[in-house]
């Protein structure tokens, strides 16, 4: 089953952070969710985002 990949703007909206923050952290190697590169475009799997959010929630509990 193929997942619909998410672009940086949708990711920023989901995580409630500016897209520029994501770009900066990707650039310096500190962004925790690895993207998939399609040509020059970066995309994320919803399952990877869900896993990251679950990990963050368990760390904050």
PDB file of N, CA and C in Angstrom:
ATOM      1  N   UNK A   1       0.840  -1.190   0.000  1.00  0.00           N
ATOM      2  CA  UNK A   1       0.000   0.000   0.000  1.00  0.00           C
ATOM      3  C   UNK A   1       0.879   1.246   0.000  1.00  0.00           C
ATOM      4  N   UNK A   2       0.626   2.151  -0.930  1.00  0.00           N
ATOM      5  CA  UNK A   2       1.413   3.371  -1.039  1.00  0.00           C
ATOM      6  C   UNK A   2       0.822   4.469  -0.174  1.00  0.00           C
ATOM      7  N   UNK A   3       1.704   5.159   0.513  1.00  0.00           N
ATOM      8  CA  UNK A   3       1.280   6.298   1.328  1.00  0.00           C
ATOM      9  C   UNK A   3       1.366   7.560   0.478  1.00  0.00           C
ATOM     10  N   UNK A   4       0.471   8.484   0.712  1.00  0.00           N
ATOM     11  CA  UNK A   4       0.557   9.791   0.070  1.00  0.00           C
ATOM     12  C   UNK A   4       1.647  10.573   0.785  1.00  0.00           C
ATOM     13  N   UNK A   5       2.690  10.960   0.081  1.00  0.00           N
ATOM     14  CA  UNK A   5       3.799  11.677   0.706  1.00  0.00           C
ATOM     15  C   UNK A   5       3.423  13.127   0.973  1.00  0.00           C
ATOM     16  N   UNK A   6       4.039  13.686   1.998  1.00  0.00           N
ATOM     17  CA  UNK A   6       3.729  15.038   2.467  1.00  0.00           C
ATOM     18  C   UNK A   6       4.888  15.968   2.127  1.00  0.00           C
ATOM     19  N   UNK A   7       4.562  17.166   1.628  1.00  0.00           N
ATOM     20  CA  UNK A   7       5.611  18.129   1.319  1.00  0.00           C
ATOM     21  C   UNK A   7       5.963  18.956   2.563  1.00  0.00           C
ATOM     22  N   UNK A   8       6.950  19.811   2.418  1.00  0.00           N
ATOM     23  CA  UNK A   8       7.474  20.556   3.567  1.00  0.00           C
ATOM     24  C   UNK A   8       6.429  21.509   4.157  1.00  0.00           C
ATOM     25  N   UNK A   9       5.576  22.084   3.318  1.00  0.00           N
ATOM     26  CA  UNK A   9       4.558  23.008   3.834  1.00  0.00           C
ATOM     27  C   UNK A   9       3.509  22.274   4.661  1.00  0.00           C
ATOM     28  N   UNK A  10       3.106  21.098   4.185  1.00  0.00           N
ATOM     29  CA  UNK A  10       2.151  20.298   4.964  1.00  0.00           C
ATOM     30  C   UNK A  10       2.788  19.804   6.257  1.00  0.00           C
ATOM     31  N   UNK A  11       4.053  19.404   6.179  1.00  0.00           N
ATOM     32  CA  UNK A  11       4.772  18.964   7.380  1.00  0.00           C
ATOM     33  C   UNK A  11       4.837  20.095   8.406  1.00  0.00           C
ATOM     34  N   UNK A  12       5.169  21.279   7.935  1.00  0.00           N
ATOM     35  CA  UNK A  12       5.247  22.443   8.823  1.00  0.00           C
ATOM     36  C   UNK A  12       3.897  22.708   9.493  1.00  0.00           C
ATOM     37  N   UNK A  13       2.831  22.569   8.731  1.00  0.00           N
ATOM     38  CA  UNK A  13       1.489  22.780   9.277  1.00  0.00           C
ATOM     39  C   UNK A  13       1.146  21.720  10.326  1.00  0.00           C
ATOM     40  N   UNK A  14       1.456  20.468  10.045  1.00  0.00           N
ATOM     41  CA  UNK A  14       1.171  19.378  10.978  1.00  0.00           C
ATOM     42  C   UNK A  14       1.938  19.564  12.289  1.00  0.00           C
ATOM     43  N   UNK A  15       3.225  19.924  12.167  1.00  0.00           N
ATOM     44  CA  UNK A  15       4.074  20.040  13.356  1.00  0.00           C
ATOM     45  C   UNK A  15       4.012  21.422  14.002  1.00  0.00           C
ATOM     46  N   UNK A  16       3.328  22.348  13.343  1.00  0.00           N
ATOM     47  CA  UNK A  16       3.187  23.722  13.846  1.00  0.00           C
ATOM     48  C   UNK A  16       4.541  24.405  14.052  1.00  0.00           C
ATOM     49  N   UNK A  17       5.397  24.254  13.037  1.00  0.00           N
ATOM     50  CA  UNK A  17       6.686  24.951  13.002  1.00  0.00           C
ATOM     51  C   UNK A  17       6.827  25.581  11.613  1.00  0.00           C
ATOM     52  N   UNK A  18       7.569  26.655  11.501  1.00  0.00           N
ATOM     53  CA  UNK A  18       7.765  27.260  10.180  1.00  0.00           C
ATOM     54  C   UNK A  18       8.557  26.332   9.248  1.00  0.00           C
ATOM     55  N   UNK A  19       8.218  26.362   7.971  1.00  0.00           N
ATOM     56  CA  UNK A  19       8.946  25.565   6.979  1.00  0.00           C
ATOM     57  C   UNK A  19      10.426  25.940   6.981  1.00  0.00           C
ATOM     58  N   UNK A  20      10.719  27.201   7.238  1.00  0.00           N
ATOM     59  CA  UNK A  20      12.112  27.659   7.276  1.00  0.00           C
ATOM     60  C   UNK A  20      12.889  26.948   8.392  1.00  0.00           C
ATOM     61  N   UNK A  21      12.246  26.700   9.516  1.00  0.00           N
ATOM     62  CA  UNK A  21      12.892  25.972  10.619  1.00  0.00           C
ATOM     63  C   UNK A  21      13.250  24.561  10.165  1.00  0.00           C
ATOM     64  N   UNK A  22      12.330  23.916   9.460  1.00  0.00           N
ATOM     65  CA  UNK A  22      12.595  22.570   8.958  1.00  0.00           C
ATOM     66  C   UNK A  22      13.780  22.608   7.993  1.00  0.00           C
ATOM     67  N   UNK A  23      13.771  23.561   7.069  1.00  0.00           N
ATOM     68  CA  UNK A  23      14.883  23.679   6.103  1.00  0.00           C
ATOM     69  C   UNK A  23      16.212  23.915   6.815  1.00  0.00           C
ATOM     70  N   UNK A  24      16.218  24.804   7.815  1.00  0.00           N
ATOM     71  CA  UNK A  24      17.454  25.094   8.545  1.00  0.00           C
ATOM     72  C   UNK A  24      17.974  23.855   9.267  1.00  0.00           C
ATOM     73  N   UNK A  25      17.078  23.124   9.922  1.00  0.00           N
ATOM     74  CA  UNK A  25      17.496  21.927  10.659  1.00  0.00           C
ATOM     75  C   UNK A  25      17.931  20.811   9.708  1.00  0.00           C
ATOM     76  N   UNK A  26      17.283  20.716   8.549  1.00  0.00           N
ATOM     77  CA  UNK A  26      17.734  19.741   7.544  1.00  0.00           C
ATOM     78  C   UNK A  26      19.140  20.091   7.077  1.00  0.00           C
ATOM     79  N   UNK A  27      19.364  21.374   6.871  1.00  0.00           N
ATOM     80  CA  UNK A  27      20.661  21.848   6.387  1.00  0.00           C
ATOM     81  C   UNK A  27      21.784  21.559   7.371  1.00  0.00           C
ATOM     82  N   UNK A  28      21.507  21.720   8.670  1.00  0.00           N
ATOM     83  CA  UNK A  28      22.572  21.489   9.647  1.00  0.00           C
ATOM     84  C   UNK A  28      22.546  20.073  10.236  1.00  0.00           C
ATOM     85  N   UNK A  29      21.655  19.230   9.697  1.00  0.00           N
ATOM     86  CA  UNK A  29      21.653  17.821  10.085  1.00  0.00           C
ATOM     87  C   UNK A  29      20.966  17.496  11.394  1.00  0.00           C
ATOM     88  N   UNK A  30      20.122  18.392  11.889  1.00  0.00           N
ATOM     89  CA  UNK A  30      19.476  18.141  13.179  1.00  0.00           C
ATOM     90  C   UNK A  30      17.981  17.843  13.066  1.00  0.00           C
ATOM     91  N   UNK A  31      17.447  17.739  11.837  1.00  0.00           N
ATOM     92  CA  UNK A  31      16.026  17.435  11.693  1.00  0.00           C
ATOM     93  C   UNK A  31      15.821  15.948  11.935  1.00  0.00           C
ATOM     94  N   UNK A  32      14.910  15.566  12.846  1.00  0.00           N
ATOM     95  CA  UNK A  32      14.786  14.167  13.270  1.00  0.00           C
ATOM     96  C   UNK A  32      14.043  13.237  12.309  1.00  0.00           C
ATOM     97  N   UNK A  33      13.263  13.778  11.375  1.00  0.00           N
ATOM     98  CA  UNK A  33      12.476  12.920  10.485  1.00  0.00           C
ATOM     99  C   UNK A  33      13.131  12.957   9.101  1.00  0.00           C
ATOM    100  N   UNK A  34      13.661  11.818   8.675  1.00  0.00           N
ATOM    101  CA  UNK A  34      14.357  11.769   7.395  1.00  0.00           C
ATOM    102  C   UNK A  34      13.382  11.906   6.231  1.00  0.00           C
ATOM    103  N   UNK A  35      13.712  12.784   5.274  1.00  0.00           N
ATOM    104  CA  UNK A  35      12.847  12.943   4.101  1.00  0.00           C
ATOM    105  C   UNK A  35      13.197  11.932   3.013  1.00  0.00           C
ATOM    106  N   UNK A  36      12.301  11.817   2.061  1.00  0.00           N
ATOM    107  CA  UNK A  36      12.545  11.069   0.834  1.00  0.00           C
ATOM    108  C   UNK A  36      12.808  12.123  -0.228  1.00  0.00           C
ATOM    109  N   UNK A  37      13.880  11.956  -0.972  1.00  0.00           N
ATOM    110  CA  UNK A  37      14.207  12.930  -2.005  1.00  0.00           C
ATOM    111  C   UNK A  37      13.697  12.417  -3.348  1.00  0.00           C
ATOM    112  N   UNK A  38      12.870  13.226  -3.994  1.00  0.00           N
ATOM    113  CA  UNK A  38      12.340  12.908  -5.316  1.00  0.00           C
ATOM    114  C   UNK A  38      12.787  14.042  -6.233  1.00  0.00           C
ATOM    115  N   UNK A  39      13.813  13.787  -7.004  1.00  0.00           N
ATOM    116  CA  UNK A  39      14.430  14.868  -7.768  1.00  0.00           C
ATOM    117  C   UNK A  39      15.035  15.841  -6.773  1.00  0.00           C
ATOM    118  N   UNK A  40      14.606  17.087  -6.843  1.00  0.00           N
ATOM    119  CA  UNK A  40      15.065  18.086  -5.872  1.00  0.00           C
ATOM    120  C   UNK A  40      14.073  18.279  -4.737  1.00  0.00           C
ATOM    121  N   UNK A  41      12.907  17.649  -4.850  1.00  0.00           N
ATOM    122  CA  UNK A  41      11.845  17.828  -3.855  1.00  0.00           C
ATOM    123  C   UNK A  41      12.039  16.877  -2.679  1.00  0.00           C
ATOM    124  N   UNK A  42      11.723  17.370  -1.499  1.00  0.00           N
ATOM    125  CA  UNK A  42      11.753  16.549  -0.293  1.00  0.00           C
ATOM    126  C   UNK A  42      10.321  16.226   0.104  1.00  0.00           C
ATOM    127  N   UNK A  43      10.095  14.970   0.476  1.00  0.00           N
ATOM    128  CA  UNK A  43       8.779  14.518   0.909  1.00  0.00           C
ATOM    129  C   UNK A  43       8.945  13.643   2.139  1.00  0.00           C
ATOM    130  N   UNK A  44       7.871  13.545   2.927  1.00  0.00           N
ATOM    131  CA  UNK A  44       7.887  12.737   4.145  1.00  0.00           C
ATOM    132  C   UNK A  44       6.741  11.754   4.127  1.00  0.00           C
ATOM    133  N   UNK A  45       6.964  10.582   4.720  1.00  0.00           N
ATOM    134  CA  UNK A  45       5.909   9.575   4.875  1.00  0.00           C
ATOM    135  C   UNK A  45       5.075   9.926   6.104  1.00  0.00           C
ATOM    136  N   UNK A  46       3.754   9.884   5.979  1.00  0.00           N
ATOM    137  CA  UNK A  46       2.899  10.123   7.151  1.00  0.00           C
ATOM    138  C   UNK A  46       3.213   9.165   8.296  1.00  0.00           C
ATOM    139  N   UNK A  47       3.556   7.928   7.996  1.00  0.00           N
ATOM    140  CA  UNK A  47       3.867   6.956   9.059  1.00  0.00           C
ATOM    141  C   UNK A  47       5.110   7.377   9.849  1.00  0.00           C
ATOM    142  N   UNK A  48       6.106   7.976   9.160  1.00  0.00           N
ATOM    143  CA  UNK A  48       7.300   8.466   9.858  1.00  0.00           C
ATOM    144  C   UNK A  48       6.955   9.644  10.774  1.00  0.00           C
ATOM    145  N   UNK A  49       6.057  10.498  10.307  1.00  0.00           N
ATOM    146  CA  UNK A  49       5.631  11.645  11.106  1.00  0.00           C
ATOM    147  C   UNK A  49       4.856  11.166  12.328  1.00  0.00           C
ATOM    148  N   UNK A  50       3.952  10.207  12.119  1.00  0.00           N
ATOM    149  CA  UNK A  50       3.183   9.651  13.237  1.00  0.00           C
ATOM    150  C   UNK A  50       4.101   9.026  14.281  1.00  0.00           C
ATOM    151  N   UNK A  51       5.117   8.292  13.815  1.00  0.00           N
ATOM    152  CA  UNK A  51       6.056   7.655  14.739  1.00  0.00           C
ATOM    153  C   UNK A  51       6.823   8.713  15.533  1.00  0.00           C
ATOM    154  N   UNK A  52       7.257   9.775  14.869  1.00  0.00           N
ATOM    155  CA  UNK A  52       7.968  10.860  15.547  1.00  0.00           C
ATOM    156  C   UNK A  52       7.078  11.513  16.604  1.00  0.00           C
ATOM    157  N   UNK A  53       5.821  11.798  16.229  1.00  0.00           N
ATOM    158  CA  UNK A  53       4.897  12.427  17.178  1.00  0.00           C
ATOM    159  C   UNK A  53       4.625  11.516  18.377  1.00  0.00           C
ATOM    160  N   UNK A  54       4.507  10.234  18.136  1.00  0.00           N
ATOM    161  CA  UNK A  54       4.302   9.275  19.232  1.00  0.00           C
ATOM    162  C   UNK A  54       5.493   9.255  20.171  1.00  0.00           C
ATOM    163  N   UNK A  55       6.697   9.271  19.602  1.00  0.00           N
ATOM    164  CA  UNK A  55       7.913   9.289  20.418  1.00  0.00           C
ATOM    165  C   UNK A  55       7.977  10.554  21.261  1.00  0.00           C
ATOM    166  N   UNK A  56       7.620  11.690  20.649  1.00  0.00           N
ATOM    167  CA  UNK A  56       7.647  12.957  21.383  1.00  0.00           C
ATOM    168  C   UNK A  56       6.631  12.965  22.509  1.00  0.00           C
ATOM    169  N   UNK A  57       5.470  12.394  22.247  1.00  0.00           N
ATOM    170  CA  UNK A  57       4.426  12.347  23.266  1.00  0.00           C
ATOM    171  C   UNK A  57       4.856  11.458  24.442  1.00  0.00           C
ATOM    172  N   UNK A  58       5.504  10.337  24.153  1.00  0.00           N
ATOM    173  CA  UNK A  58       5.942   9.442  25.228  1.00  0.00           C
ATOM    174  C   UNK A  58       7.100  10.054  26.018  1.00  0.00           C
ATOM    175  N   UNK A  59       7.927  10.866  25.375  1.00  0.00           N
ATOM    176  CA  UNK A  59       9.036  11.535  26.075  1.00  0.00           C
ATOM    177  C   UNK A  59       8.527  12.652  26.967  1.00  0.00           C
ATOM    178  N   UNK A  60       7.408  13.249  26.577  1.00  0.00           N
ATOM    179  CA  UNK A  60       6.853  14.362  27.353  1.00  0.00           C
ATOM    180  C   UNK A  60       5.915  13.906  28.468  1.00  0.00           C
ATOM    181  N   UNK A  61       5.616  12.626  28.508  1.00  0.00           N
ATOM    182  CA  UNK A  61       4.703  12.105  29.549  1.00  0.00           C
ATOM    183  C   UNK A  61       5.425  11.779  30.817  1.00  0.00           C
TER     184      UNK A  61
END
